[in-house]
Amino acid sequence: MALGLNTNTNAEIFPHIRYDARAGRLFRHDREQKPDGKWESKNTDITSPAPLMLMDLAQIEVGWISFTGGAPDFHMVRFGEPMPQQPSKEHRQGFRLRVYAPKLLGGLREFTATARVVIAAMDALHNQYEAAPESGQRLVPLVMLAGTTPVVSKAPQGQTTNYAPIFQIEKWLPRPDDMPMGALPSIAAPASVAPRATAPIAPAPARHVPAPVAAPAPELATHDTEF
């Protein structure tokens, strides 16, 4: 297709992380096989201590995402290309990008979001990325989730509070071989990861846990994988 859209709703589901804006928490999602052969979803809270991961902002995608009906449906384009039309009223604007942390995430994963507070935080981070000279040197930002900030909004049902993530670039590293340039693609799932079940993932409890206190980033060697 001219826009490079993926409209295959049966596409493989890659290992991913997700941010719960209602609780201000970041989760790693995995699928584990039990002794009886059944697969079970597992969400691991990785919010604290402040997590570090490489974010592939050079290849971030924007578009429309729907999480109804089980597997997510993506209609995405690379940043800078014309936005596709909204496929349905269930599809919301969002982003998708690859993140990488060998120890924290087990390698390469996807990070997607449609919550407005998360999109705003990623938009600010992307502006910082584009303004940095390192982005023109093909370096990849090592990003910390340094904390959260409450965002209060009013709705017909009353006042609600969400928690926007605070992303900050700690340093820049050479692009690892496990995060190649090229069409978004082939993220090899760990052996313990299986295709997602058709039932939607239950959301985390709608409560706020105090945000982690930002700490100085460790000094990493050029190809250090201590994150």
N, C-alpha and C. Protein backbone atom coordinates (compact mmCIF):
# COMPACT_ATOMS: atom_id res chain seq x y z
N MET A 1 0.83 -1.18 0.00
CA MET A 1 0.00 0.00 0.00
C MET A 1 0.87 1.24 0.00
N ALA A 2 0.39 2.32 -0.58
CA ALA A 2 1.17 3.54 -0.69
C ALA A 2 1.55 4.12 0.66
N LEU A 3 0.64 3.97 1.65
CA LEU A 3 0.93 4.53 2.97
C LEU A 3 1.66 3.55 3.88
N GLY A 4 1.85 2.34 3.42
CA GLY A 4 2.55 1.36 4.24
C GLY A 4 1.74 0.92 5.45
N LEU A 5 0.43 0.89 5.32
CA LEU A 5 -0.42 0.53 6.46
C LEU A 5 -0.52 -0.97 6.62
N ASN A 6 -0.63 -1.39 7.87
CA ASN A 6 -0.87 -2.79 8.17
C ASN A 6 -2.32 -2.92 8.60
N THR A 7 -3.16 -3.49 7.76
CA THR A 7 -4.58 -3.64 8.08
C THR A 7 -4.94 -5.09 8.37
N ASN A 8 -3.95 -5.92 8.61
CA ASN A 8 -4.19 -7.32 8.89
C ASN A 8 -4.47 -7.50 10.37
N THR A 9 -5.74 -7.70 10.73
CA THR A 9 -6.10 -7.83 12.14
C THR A 9 -5.65 -9.16 12.72
N ASN A 10 -5.19 -10.09 11.89
CA ASN A 10 -4.71 -11.37 12.38
C ASN A 10 -3.18 -11.41 12.45
N ALA A 11 -2.54 -10.23 12.37
CA ALA A 11 -1.09 -10.18 12.41
C ALA A 11 -0.58 -10.67 13.75
N GLU A 12 0.67 -11.13 13.75
CA GLU A 12 1.29 -11.63 14.97
C GLU A 12 1.35 -10.54 16.03
N ILE A 13 1.08 -10.90 17.27
CA ILE A 13 1.15 -9.97 18.38
C ILE A 13 2.53 -10.08 19.01
N PHE A 14 3.24 -8.97 19.08
CA PHE A 14 4.59 -8.97 19.60
C PHE A 14 4.60 -8.75 21.11
N PRO A 15 5.66 -9.18 21.77
CA PRO A 15 5.80 -8.85 23.19
C PRO A 15 5.74 -7.33 23.37
N HIS A 16 5.14 -6.87 24.45
CA HIS A 16 4.94 -5.44 24.57
C HIS A 16 4.98 -4.98 26.01
N ILE A 17 5.04 -3.66 26.17
CA ILE A 17 4.87 -3.03 27.47
C ILE A 17 3.66 -2.10 27.34
N ARG A 18 3.06 -1.74 28.47
CA ARG A 18 1.93 -0.83 28.43
C ARG A 18 1.96 0.07 29.66
N TYR A 19 1.47 1.27 29.47
CA TYR A 19 1.42 2.24 30.55
C TYR A 19 -0.03 2.47 30.95
N ASP A 20 -0.34 2.29 32.22
CA ASP A 20 -1.69 2.50 32.74
C ASP A 20 -1.78 3.93 33.24
N ALA A 21 -2.44 4.80 32.49
CA ALA A 21 -2.51 6.22 32.84
C ALA A 21 -3.36 6.45 34.08
N ARG A 22 -4.28 5.56 34.39
CA ARG A 22 -5.12 5.75 35.57
C ARG A 22 -4.35 5.53 36.86
N ALA A 23 -3.35 4.67 36.79
CA ALA A 23 -2.56 4.35 37.98
C ALA A 23 -1.16 4.94 37.95
N GLY A 24 -0.72 5.39 36.76
CA GLY A 24 0.63 5.91 36.64
C GLY A 24 1.68 4.84 36.77
N ARG A 25 1.42 3.67 36.16
CA ARG A 25 2.34 2.53 36.28
C ARG A 25 2.67 1.97 34.91
N LEU A 26 3.88 1.42 34.80
CA LEU A 26 4.34 0.80 33.56
C LEU A 26 4.44 -0.70 33.77
N PHE A 27 3.90 -1.47 32.82
CA PHE A 27 3.86 -2.92 32.95
C PHE A 27 4.52 -3.62 31.76
N ARG A 28 5.19 -4.72 32.06
CA ARG A 28 5.66 -5.64 31.02
C ARG A 28 4.66 -6.79 30.93
N HIS A 29 4.17 -7.05 29.73
CA HIS A 29 3.16 -8.08 29.54
C HIS A 29 3.81 -9.33 28.95
N ASP A 30 3.55 -10.48 29.57
CA ASP A 30 4.07 -11.75 29.09
C ASP A 30 2.98 -12.80 29.10
N ARG A 31 3.24 -13.87 28.36
CA ARG A 31 2.35 -15.02 28.36
C ARG A 31 3.16 -16.21 28.84
N GLU A 32 2.65 -16.93 29.84
CA GLU A 32 3.35 -18.07 30.41
C GLU A 32 2.50 -19.32 30.29
N GLN A 33 3.17 -20.42 29.96
CA GLN A 33 2.47 -21.70 29.84
C GLN A 33 2.55 -22.45 31.16
N LYS A 34 1.39 -22.86 31.66
CA LYS A 34 1.31 -23.58 32.92
C LYS A 34 1.53 -25.07 32.71
N PRO A 35 1.80 -25.82 33.79
CA PRO A 35 2.02 -27.26 33.67
C PRO A 35 0.90 -28.01 32.96
N ASP A 36 -0.34 -27.47 33.06
CA ASP A 36 -1.47 -28.15 32.41
C ASP A 36 -1.58 -27.80 30.93
N GLY A 37 -0.61 -27.00 30.44
CA GLY A 37 -0.60 -26.65 29.02
C GLY A 37 -1.32 -25.36 28.69
N LYS A 38 -2.06 -24.81 29.63
CA LYS A 38 -2.80 -23.58 29.37
C LYS A 38 -1.87 -22.37 29.48
N TRP A 39 -2.21 -21.34 28.70
CA TRP A 39 -1.42 -20.11 28.72
C TRP A 39 -2.11 -19.06 29.59
N GLU A 40 -1.31 -18.32 30.30
CA GLU A 40 -1.82 -17.32 31.22
C GLU A 40 -1.09 -15.99 31.02
N SER A 41 -1.85 -14.89 31.06
CA SER A 41 -1.24 -13.57 30.94
C SER A 41 -0.62 -13.16 32.26
N LYS A 42 0.52 -12.49 32.18
CA LYS A 42 1.19 -12.00 33.37
C LYS A 42 1.64 -10.57 33.14
N ASN A 43 1.21 -9.65 33.99
CA ASN A 43 1.63 -8.27 33.92
C ASN A 43 2.57 -7.97 35.08
N THR A 44 3.80 -7.58 34.76
CA THR A 44 4.81 -7.29 35.77
C THR A 44 5.03 -5.79 35.86
N ASP A 45 4.85 -5.23 37.04
CA ASP A 45 5.04 -3.79 37.25
C ASP A 45 6.54 -3.49 37.22
N ILE A 46 6.96 -2.66 36.26
CA ILE A 46 8.37 -2.31 36.13
C ILE A 46 8.59 -0.81 36.34
N THR A 47 7.66 -0.18 37.05
CA THR A 47 7.73 1.27 37.25
C THR A 47 8.88 1.69 38.15
N SER A 48 9.20 0.88 39.14
CA SER A 48 10.22 1.24 40.12
C SER A 48 11.18 0.07 40.31
N PRO A 49 12.49 0.38 40.38
CA PRO A 49 13.11 1.69 40.28
C PRO A 49 12.97 2.25 38.86
N ALA A 50 13.16 3.56 38.74
CA ALA A 50 12.92 4.24 37.46
C ALA A 50 13.54 3.46 36.31
N PRO A 51 12.70 2.92 35.41
CA PRO A 51 13.21 2.06 34.34
C PRO A 51 13.93 2.84 33.23
N LEU A 52 14.93 2.20 32.66
CA LEU A 52 15.68 2.73 31.53
C LEU A 52 15.50 1.81 30.34
N MET A 53 15.29 2.37 29.15
CA MET A 53 15.17 1.56 27.94
C MET A 53 15.51 2.41 26.73
N LEU A 54 16.04 1.77 25.71
CA LEU A 54 16.25 2.45 24.44
C LEU A 54 14.91 2.59 23.75
N MET A 55 14.63 3.77 23.22
CA MET A 55 13.38 4.00 22.49
C MET A 55 13.70 4.36 21.04
N ASP A 56 13.14 3.60 20.11
CA ASP A 56 13.42 3.78 18.68
C ASP A 56 12.57 4.91 18.11
N LEU A 57 12.85 6.13 18.55
CA LEU A 57 12.07 7.28 18.10
C LEU A 57 12.29 7.60 16.63
N ALA A 58 13.37 7.10 16.05
CA ALA A 58 13.63 7.33 14.63
C ALA A 58 12.61 6.60 13.76
N GLN A 59 11.96 5.57 14.32
CA GLN A 59 11.02 4.78 13.53
C GLN A 59 9.63 4.74 14.17
N ILE A 60 9.30 5.76 14.95
CA ILE A 60 8.00 5.78 15.61
C ILE A 60 6.89 5.87 14.57
N GLU A 61 5.78 5.20 14.84
CA GLU A 61 4.61 5.21 13.97
C GLU A 61 3.45 5.89 14.67
N VAL A 62 2.60 6.53 13.89
CA VAL A 62 1.39 7.16 14.41
C VAL A 62 0.21 6.70 13.56
N GLY A 63 -0.98 6.81 14.14
CA GLY A 63 -2.15 6.39 13.38
C GLY A 63 -3.32 6.09 14.29
N TRP A 64 -4.02 5.00 13.95
CA TRP A 64 -5.26 4.65 14.66
C TRP A 64 -5.14 3.23 15.22
N ILE A 65 -5.59 3.07 16.47
CA ILE A 65 -5.47 1.79 17.16
C ILE A 65 -6.80 1.46 17.83
N SER A 66 -7.21 0.22 17.69
CA SER A 66 -8.40 -0.26 18.39
C SER A 66 -8.03 -1.51 19.19
N PHE A 67 -8.46 -1.53 20.45
CA PHE A 67 -8.21 -2.69 21.31
C PHE A 67 -9.49 -3.49 21.54
N THR A 68 -10.51 -3.23 20.76
CA THR A 68 -11.75 -3.99 20.89
C THR A 68 -11.62 -5.30 20.12
N GLY A 69 -12.33 -6.31 20.57
CA GLY A 69 -12.32 -7.58 19.85
C GLY A 69 -11.11 -8.44 20.10
N GLY A 70 -10.38 -8.20 21.19
CA GLY A 70 -9.23 -9.04 21.50
C GLY A 70 -7.93 -8.45 21.02
N ALA A 71 -7.43 -8.95 19.89
CA ALA A 71 -6.14 -8.48 19.37
C ALA A 71 -6.26 -7.04 18.88
N PRO A 72 -5.23 -6.21 19.11
CA PRO A 72 -5.30 -4.82 18.65
C PRO A 72 -5.27 -4.73 17.14
N ASP A 73 -5.94 -3.71 16.61
CA ASP A 73 -5.97 -3.46 15.17
C ASP A 73 -5.24 -2.14 14.92
N PHE A 74 -4.13 -2.21 14.17
CA PHE A 74 -3.30 -1.04 13.91
C PHE A 74 -3.48 -0.55 12.47
N HIS A 75 -3.65 0.75 12.32
CA HIS A 75 -3.63 1.40 11.01
C HIS A 75 -2.63 2.55 11.15
N MET A 76 -1.36 2.26 10.88
CA MET A 76 -0.28 3.16 11.24
C MET A 76 0.55 3.59 10.03
N VAL A 77 1.21 4.74 10.17
CA VAL A 77 2.19 5.22 9.19
C VAL A 77 3.40 5.71 9.97
N ARG A 78 4.53 5.79 9.27
CA ARG A 78 5.71 6.38 9.89
C ARG A 78 5.46 7.85 10.17
N PHE A 79 6.01 8.35 11.25
CA PHE A 79 5.88 9.76 11.58
C PHE A 79 6.35 10.61 10.40
N GLY A 80 5.55 11.60 10.03
CA GLY A 80 5.88 12.47 8.90
C GLY A 80 5.08 12.17 7.66
N GLU A 81 4.48 10.97 7.59
CA GLU A 81 3.63 10.61 6.46
C GLU A 81 2.18 11.04 6.76
N PRO A 82 1.36 11.21 5.72
CA PRO A 82 -0.04 11.62 5.95
C PRO A 82 -0.77 10.62 6.83
N MET A 83 -1.52 11.13 7.78
CA MET A 83 -2.30 10.28 8.67
C MET A 83 -3.39 9.56 7.89
N PRO A 84 -3.61 8.29 8.15
CA PRO A 84 -4.71 7.58 7.49
C PRO A 84 -6.04 8.01 8.07
N GLN A 85 -7.10 7.68 7.37
CA GLN A 85 -8.44 7.99 7.86
C GLN A 85 -8.78 7.05 9.02
N GLN A 86 -9.61 7.54 9.91
CA GLN A 86 -10.05 6.73 11.04
C GLN A 86 -10.89 5.56 10.53
N PRO A 87 -10.47 4.31 10.78
CA PRO A 87 -11.19 3.15 10.25
C PRO A 87 -12.58 2.97 10.85
N SER A 88 -12.73 3.28 12.15
CA SER A 88 -14.03 3.12 12.81
C SER A 88 -14.05 4.00 14.05
N LYS A 89 -15.20 4.13 14.65
CA LYS A 89 -15.32 4.95 15.85
C LYS A 89 -14.61 4.31 17.04
N GLU A 90 -14.33 3.02 16.95
CA GLU A 90 -13.60 2.35 18.03
C GLU A 90 -12.09 2.63 17.97
N HIS A 91 -11.60 3.10 16.83
CA HIS A 91 -10.18 3.37 16.68
C HIS A 91 -9.84 4.75 17.25
N ARG A 92 -8.78 4.81 18.04
CA ARG A 92 -8.33 6.06 18.65
C ARG A 92 -6.93 6.38 18.17
N GLN A 93 -6.60 7.67 18.12
CA GLN A 93 -5.26 8.07 17.73
C GLN A 93 -4.24 7.53 18.73
N GLY A 94 -3.11 7.10 18.21
CA GLY A 94 -2.08 6.57 19.10
C GLY A 94 -0.75 6.46 18.39
N PHE A 95 0.23 5.93 19.11
CA PHE A 95 1.56 5.73 18.55
C PHE A 95 2.02 4.30 18.82
N ARG A 96 3.05 3.91 18.08
CA ARG A 96 3.68 2.60 18.27
C ARG A 96 5.16 2.76 18.01
N LEU A 97 5.98 2.24 18.90
CA LEU A 97 7.42 2.24 18.66
C LEU A 97 8.05 1.05 19.36
N ARG A 98 9.29 0.78 18.97
CA ARG A 98 10.01 -0.32 19.57
C ARG A 98 10.86 0.20 20.73
N VAL A 99 10.95 -0.61 21.77
CA VAL A 99 11.79 -0.30 22.92
C VAL A 99 12.69 -1.51 23.18
N TYR A 100 13.83 -1.24 23.79
CA TYR A 100 14.82 -2.31 23.95
C TYR A 100 15.52 -2.18 25.30
N ALA A 101 15.53 -3.27 26.06
CA ALA A 101 16.25 -3.36 27.31
C ALA A 101 16.47 -4.84 27.60
N PRO A 102 17.69 -5.34 27.40
CA PRO A 102 17.94 -6.78 27.54
C PRO A 102 17.53 -7.37 28.88
N LYS A 103 17.83 -6.68 29.97
CA LYS A 103 17.53 -7.24 31.28
C LYS A 103 16.12 -6.91 31.74
N LEU A 104 15.73 -5.68 31.59
CA LEU A 104 14.41 -5.25 32.08
C LEU A 104 13.28 -5.86 31.27
N LEU A 105 13.44 -5.90 29.93
CA LEU A 105 12.36 -6.33 29.04
C LEU A 105 12.63 -7.67 28.37
N GLY A 106 13.82 -8.21 28.54
CA GLY A 106 14.15 -9.45 27.86
C GLY A 106 14.49 -9.26 26.40
N GLY A 107 14.73 -8.01 26.00
CA GLY A 107 15.07 -7.73 24.61
C GLY A 107 14.19 -6.66 24.01
N LEU A 108 13.72 -6.92 22.79
CA LEU A 108 12.96 -5.95 22.02
C LEU A 108 11.45 -6.15 22.21
N ARG A 109 10.74 -5.03 22.43
CA ARG A 109 9.30 -5.08 22.60
C ARG A 109 8.66 -3.88 21.92
N GLU A 110 7.33 -3.87 21.90
CA GLU A 110 6.58 -2.74 21.38
C GLU A 110 5.96 -1.96 22.52
N PHE A 111 5.83 -0.67 22.30
CA PHE A 111 5.15 0.22 23.24
C PHE A 111 4.12 1.00 22.44
N THR A 112 2.86 0.82 22.77
CA THR A 112 1.78 1.53 22.10
C THR A 112 0.91 2.20 23.15
N ALA A 113 0.25 3.28 22.76
CA ALA A 113 -0.65 3.96 23.69
C ALA A 113 -1.63 4.82 22.91
N THR A 114 -2.83 4.97 23.49
CA THR A 114 -3.85 5.86 22.93
C THR A 114 -4.31 6.89 23.95
N ALA A 115 -3.87 6.76 25.20
CA ALA A 115 -4.26 7.72 26.23
C ALA A 115 -3.63 9.08 25.93
N ARG A 116 -4.43 10.14 26.06
CA ARG A 116 -3.96 11.47 25.68
C ARG A 116 -2.75 11.92 26.49
N VAL A 117 -2.74 11.59 27.79
CA VAL A 117 -1.61 12.05 28.62
C VAL A 117 -0.31 11.36 28.21
N VAL A 118 -0.42 10.12 27.72
CA VAL A 118 0.78 9.40 27.28
C VAL A 118 1.24 9.94 25.92
N ILE A 119 0.27 10.21 25.03
CA ILE A 119 0.62 10.78 23.73
C ILE A 119 1.31 12.13 23.91
N ALA A 120 0.80 12.96 24.82
CA ALA A 120 1.41 14.26 25.05
C ALA A 120 2.84 14.12 25.57
N ALA A 121 3.06 13.17 26.45
CA ALA A 121 4.41 12.95 26.98
C ALA A 121 5.35 12.45 25.90
N MET A 122 4.85 11.56 25.04
CA MET A 122 5.69 11.04 23.95
C MET A 122 5.95 12.13 22.92
N ASP A 123 4.98 13.01 22.70
CA ASP A 123 5.15 14.12 21.77
C ASP A 123 6.27 15.05 22.26
N ALA A 124 6.29 15.34 23.56
CA ALA A 124 7.34 16.19 24.13
C ALA A 124 8.70 15.51 24.02
N LEU A 125 8.73 14.20 24.26
CA LEU A 125 9.98 13.46 24.16
C LEU A 125 10.49 13.46 22.72
N HIS A 126 9.57 13.29 21.76
CA HIS A 126 9.97 13.26 20.36
C HIS A 126 10.49 14.62 19.91
N ASN A 127 9.91 15.70 20.42
CA ASN A 127 10.42 17.03 20.10
C ASN A 127 11.86 17.20 20.61
N GLN A 128 12.10 16.69 21.81
CA GLN A 128 13.45 16.75 22.38
C GLN A 128 14.42 15.92 21.54
N TYR A 129 13.94 14.76 21.10
CA TYR A 129 14.76 13.88 20.26
C TYR A 129 15.14 14.58 18.96
N GLU A 130 14.16 15.19 18.29
CA GLU A 130 14.44 15.84 17.00
C GLU A 130 15.38 17.02 17.14
N ALA A 131 15.33 17.71 18.27
CA ALA A 131 16.17 18.89 18.48
C ALA A 131 17.60 18.54 18.86
N ALA A 132 17.84 17.32 19.27
CA ALA A 132 19.17 16.92 19.73
C ALA A 132 20.08 16.58 18.55
N PRO A 133 21.33 17.03 18.56
CA PRO A 133 22.26 16.71 17.45
C PRO A 133 22.53 15.22 17.34
N GLU A 134 22.40 14.49 18.46
CA GLU A 134 22.68 13.05 18.43
C GLU A 134 21.72 12.28 17.52
N SER A 135 20.49 12.83 17.32
CA SER A 135 19.53 12.13 16.46
C SER A 135 20.03 12.09 15.02
N GLY A 136 20.80 13.10 14.62
CA GLY A 136 21.37 13.11 13.28
C GLY A 136 22.61 12.26 13.15
N GLN A 137 23.08 11.73 14.27
CA GLN A 137 24.25 10.86 14.28
C GLN A 137 23.87 9.39 14.38
N ARG A 138 22.59 9.13 14.20
CA ARG A 138 22.06 7.77 14.22
C ARG A 138 22.24 7.08 15.58
N LEU A 139 22.28 7.89 16.64
CA LEU A 139 22.32 7.33 17.98
C LEU A 139 20.89 7.16 18.49
N VAL A 140 20.73 6.28 19.47
CA VAL A 140 19.41 5.96 20.01
C VAL A 140 19.35 6.47 21.45
N PRO A 141 18.27 7.17 21.83
CA PRO A 141 18.19 7.70 23.19
C PRO A 141 17.87 6.61 24.22
N LEU A 142 18.60 6.66 25.32
CA LEU A 142 18.29 5.83 26.47
C LEU A 142 17.36 6.66 27.34
N VAL A 143 16.12 6.21 27.48
CA VAL A 143 15.07 7.02 28.10
C VAL A 143 14.70 6.45 29.46
N MET A 144 14.54 7.35 30.43
CA MET A 144 14.10 6.96 31.76
C MET A 144 12.66 7.41 31.98
N LEU A 145 11.87 6.55 32.62
CA LEU A 145 10.58 6.97 33.15
C LEU A 145 10.88 7.55 34.52
N ALA A 146 11.02 8.87 34.59
CA ALA A 146 11.51 9.53 35.79
C ALA A 146 10.45 9.78 36.84
N GLY A 147 9.19 9.63 36.47
CA GLY A 147 8.11 9.90 37.41
C GLY A 147 6.81 10.12 36.68
N THR A 148 5.83 10.64 37.38
CA THR A 148 4.53 10.94 36.78
C THR A 148 4.03 12.28 37.30
N THR A 149 3.06 12.83 36.60
CA THR A 149 2.43 14.07 37.05
C THR A 149 0.93 13.95 36.86
N PRO A 150 0.12 14.34 37.85
CA PRO A 150 -1.33 14.20 37.73
C PRO A 150 -1.92 15.20 36.74
N VAL A 151 -2.89 14.73 35.98
CA VAL A 151 -3.62 15.58 35.04
C VAL A 151 -5.11 15.41 35.34
N VAL A 152 -5.74 16.48 35.78
CA VAL A 152 -7.14 16.44 36.16
C VAL A 152 -7.99 16.92 34.99
N SER A 153 -9.04 16.20 34.68
CA SER A 153 -9.95 16.59 33.60
C SER A 153 -11.38 16.43 34.07
N LYS A 154 -12.28 17.19 33.44
CA LYS A 154 -13.69 17.13 33.79
C LYS A 154 -14.46 16.42 32.69
N ALA A 155 -15.39 15.59 33.09
CA ALA A 155 -16.23 14.84 32.16
C ALA A 155 -17.66 14.87 32.68
N PRO A 156 -18.63 14.49 31.83
CA PRO A 156 -20.03 14.47 32.28
C PRO A 156 -20.24 13.64 33.55
N GLN A 157 -19.40 12.60 33.71
CA GLN A 157 -19.55 11.74 34.87
C GLN A 157 -18.85 12.32 36.11
N GLY A 158 -18.11 13.40 35.93
CA GLY A 158 -17.39 13.98 37.06
C GLY A 158 -15.92 14.20 36.74
N GLN A 159 -15.18 14.54 37.76
CA GLN A 159 -13.76 14.83 37.60
C GLN A 159 -12.94 13.55 37.63
N THR A 160 -11.96 13.45 36.75
CA THR A 160 -11.09 12.28 36.71
C THR A 160 -9.63 12.74 36.76
N THR A 161 -8.79 11.87 37.27
CA THR A 161 -7.36 12.15 37.34
C THR A 161 -6.59 11.03 36.66
N ASN A 162 -5.76 11.40 35.70
CA ASN A 162 -4.83 10.47 35.08
C ASN A 162 -3.42 10.94 35.42
N TYR A 163 -2.45 10.07 35.18
CA TYR A 163 -1.07 10.37 35.54
C TYR A 163 -0.19 10.29 34.29
N ALA A 164 0.30 11.44 33.87
CA ALA A 164 1.14 11.50 32.67
C ALA A 164 2.56 11.04 33.01
N PRO A 165 3.14 10.21 32.16
CA PRO A 165 4.53 9.80 32.40
C PRO A 165 5.49 10.95 32.12
N ILE A 166 6.60 10.96 32.84
CA ILE A 166 7.66 11.93 32.60
C ILE A 166 8.85 11.18 32.01
N PHE A 167 9.04 11.35 30.71
CA PHE A 167 10.15 10.71 30.02
C PHE A 167 11.31 11.69 29.91
N GLN A 168 12.51 11.21 30.17
CA GLN A 168 13.67 12.06 29.97
C GLN A 168 14.82 11.25 29.37
N ILE A 169 15.53 11.88 28.45
CA ILE A 169 16.67 11.23 27.81
C ILE A 169 17.87 11.31 28.74
N GLU A 170 18.41 10.16 29.10
CA GLU A 170 19.55 10.11 30.01
C GLU A 170 20.88 10.17 29.25
N LYS A 171 20.96 9.50 28.13
CA LYS A 171 22.16 9.52 27.30
C LYS A 171 21.83 8.90 25.95
N TRP A 172 22.83 8.87 25.07
CA TRP A 172 22.64 8.33 23.72
C TRP A 172 23.62 7.19 23.50
N LEU A 173 23.14 6.15 22.84
CA LEU A 173 23.97 4.96 22.60
C LEU A 173 23.90 4.57 21.13
N PRO A 174 24.93 3.88 20.64
CA PRO A 174 24.86 3.35 19.27
C PRO A 174 23.70 2.38 19.13
N ARG A 175 23.10 2.34 17.95
CA ARG A 175 21.97 1.44 17.72
C ARG A 175 22.42 -0.01 17.84
N PRO A 176 21.81 -0.79 18.73
CA PRO A 176 22.19 -2.20 18.87
C PRO A 176 21.71 -3.02 17.68
N ASP A 177 22.37 -4.13 17.45
CA ASP A 177 21.99 -5.01 16.35
C ASP A 177 20.57 -5.55 16.52
N ASP A 178 20.11 -5.66 17.77
CA ASP A 178 18.78 -6.19 18.03
C ASP A 178 17.67 -5.17 17.79
N MET A 179 18.06 -3.93 17.42
CA MET A 179 17.07 -2.89 17.11
C MET A 179 17.41 -2.32 15.73
N PRO A 180 17.24 -3.11 14.66
CA PRO A 180 17.67 -2.68 13.33
C PRO A 180 16.78 -1.61 12.73
N MET A 181 17.34 -0.86 11.81
CA MET A 181 16.54 0.05 11.00
C MET A 181 15.79 -0.79 9.97
N GLY A 182 14.59 -0.37 9.61
CA GLY A 182 13.83 -1.12 8.63
C GLY A 182 12.38 -1.15 9.02
N ALA A 183 11.58 -1.70 8.15
CA ALA A 183 10.15 -1.71 8.37
C ALA A 183 9.83 -2.42 9.66
N LEU A 184 8.87 -1.91 10.36
CA LEU A 184 8.48 -2.47 11.64
C LEU A 184 7.90 -3.82 11.42
N PRO A 185 8.28 -4.59 12.17
CA PRO A 185 8.56 -5.86 11.75
C PRO A 185 8.62 -7.04 12.55
N SER A 186 9.80 -7.45 12.56
CA SER A 186 10.02 -8.75 13.08
C SER A 186 10.62 -8.64 14.45
N ILE A 187 9.77 -8.69 15.44
CA ILE A 187 10.25 -8.73 16.81
C ILE A 187 10.10 -10.18 17.26
N ALA A 188 11.21 -10.83 17.46
CA ALA A 188 11.17 -12.25 17.82
C ALA A 188 10.70 -12.39 19.25
N ALA A 189 9.62 -13.13 19.45
CA ALA A 189 9.09 -13.31 20.80
C ALA A 189 9.95 -14.27 21.58
N PRO A 190 10.16 -14.03 22.89
CA PRO A 190 10.89 -14.97 23.73
C PRO A 190 10.17 -16.31 23.74
N ALA A 191 10.88 -17.35 24.10
CA ALA A 191 10.29 -18.69 24.06
C ALA A 191 9.07 -18.80 24.95
N SER A 192 9.02 -18.00 26.03
CA SER A 192 7.91 -18.08 26.96
C SER A 192 6.70 -17.27 26.53
N VAL A 193 6.81 -16.60 25.36
CA VAL A 193 5.73 -15.73 24.91
C VAL A 193 4.93 -16.41 23.82
N ALA A 194 3.62 -16.41 23.95
CA ALA A 194 2.74 -17.00 22.94
C ALA A 194 1.79 -15.93 22.46
N PRO A 195 1.09 -16.17 21.32
CA PRO A 195 0.10 -15.18 20.87
C PRO A 195 -0.90 -14.85 21.96
N ARG A 196 -1.33 -13.61 22.03
CA ARG A 196 -2.22 -13.15 23.07
C ARG A 196 -3.58 -13.83 22.97
N ALA A 197 -4.16 -14.09 24.11
CA ALA A 197 -5.49 -14.68 24.13
C ALA A 197 -6.50 -13.68 23.58
N THR A 198 -7.64 -14.19 23.19
CA THR A 198 -8.63 -13.31 22.56
C THR A 198 -9.29 -12.38 23.57
N ALA A 199 -9.26 -12.72 24.86
CA ALA A 199 -9.90 -11.85 25.85
C ALA A 199 -9.02 -10.66 26.14
N PRO A 200 -9.60 -9.47 26.30
CA PRO A 200 -8.81 -8.28 26.59
C PRO A 200 -8.11 -8.42 27.93
N ILE A 201 -6.99 -7.76 28.07
CA ILE A 201 -6.24 -7.79 29.31
C ILE A 201 -6.97 -6.96 30.34
N ALA A 202 -7.14 -7.49 31.53
CA ALA A 202 -7.82 -6.73 32.57
C ALA A 202 -6.97 -5.55 32.98
N PRO A 203 -7.56 -4.35 33.07
CA PRO A 203 -6.78 -3.18 33.44
C PRO A 203 -6.30 -3.25 34.87
N ALA A 204 -5.21 -2.57 35.14
CA ALA A 204 -4.69 -2.50 36.50
C ALA A 204 -5.66 -1.71 37.37
N PRO A 205 -5.63 -1.95 38.68
CA PRO A 205 -6.53 -1.20 39.57
C PRO A 205 -6.34 0.30 39.40
N ALA A 206 -7.46 1.02 39.42
CA ALA A 206 -7.42 2.46 39.20
C ALA A 206 -7.01 3.17 40.49
N ARG A 207 -5.76 3.03 40.85
CA ARG A 207 -5.25 3.72 42.02
C ARG A 207 -3.87 4.25 41.69
N HIS A 208 -3.47 5.24 42.40
CA HIS A 208 -2.18 5.86 42.12
C HIS A 208 -1.16 5.44 43.15
N VAL A 209 -0.04 4.95 42.67
CA VAL A 209 1.09 4.62 43.54
C VAL A 209 2.09 5.73 43.37
N PRO A 210 2.67 6.24 44.45
CA PRO A 210 3.61 7.36 44.32
C PRO A 210 4.66 7.10 43.26
N ALA A 211 4.91 8.10 42.47
CA ALA A 211 5.87 7.97 41.38
C ALA A 211 7.27 7.77 41.93
N PRO A 212 8.10 7.02 41.18
CA PRO A 212 9.48 6.82 41.63
C PRO A 212 10.24 8.13 41.61
N VAL A 213 11.16 8.25 42.52
CA VAL A 213 12.00 9.44 42.57
C VAL A 213 13.09 9.31 41.52
N ALA A 214 13.19 10.32 40.67
CA ALA A 214 14.21 10.28 39.62
C ALA A 214 15.59 10.22 40.24
N ALA A 215 16.43 9.35 39.69
CA ALA A 215 17.79 9.21 40.18
C ALA A 215 18.75 9.37 39.03
N PRO A 216 19.98 9.76 39.31
CA PRO A 216 20.96 9.92 38.23
C PRO A 216 21.12 8.62 37.47
N ALA A 217 21.21 8.70 36.16
CA ALA A 217 21.38 7.50 35.35
C ALA A 217 22.77 6.94 35.56
N PRO A 218 22.91 5.61 35.56
CA PRO A 218 24.23 5.03 35.72
C PRO A 218 25.09 5.32 34.51
N GLU A 219 26.38 5.36 34.74
CA GLU A 219 27.29 5.57 33.62
C GLU A 219 27.41 4.26 32.86
N LEU A 220 26.97 4.26 31.63
CA LEU A 220 26.98 3.04 30.83
C LEU A 220 28.09 3.07 29.82
N ALA A 221 28.68 1.92 29.60
CA ALA A 221 29.68 1.81 28.54
C ALA A 221 28.97 1.87 27.21
N THR A 222 29.75 1.96 26.14
CA THR A 222 29.17 2.14 24.81
C THR A 222 28.12 1.09 24.50
N HIS A 223 28.39 -0.16 24.83
CA HIS A 223 27.43 -1.22 24.52
C HIS A 223 26.97 -1.92 25.79
N ASP A 224 26.94 -1.18 26.90
CA ASP A 224 26.49 -1.75 28.15
C ASP A 224 25.04 -2.16 28.06
N THR A 225 24.68 -3.28 28.66
CA THR A 225 23.30 -3.74 28.62
C THR A 225 22.73 -3.85 30.03
N GLU A 226 23.18 -3.00 30.93
CA GLU A 226 22.68 -3.01 32.31
C GLU A 226 21.36 -2.25 32.42
N PHE A 227 20.43 -2.53 31.52
CA PHE A 227 19.12 -1.86 31.58
C PHE A 227 18.08 -2.74 30.92
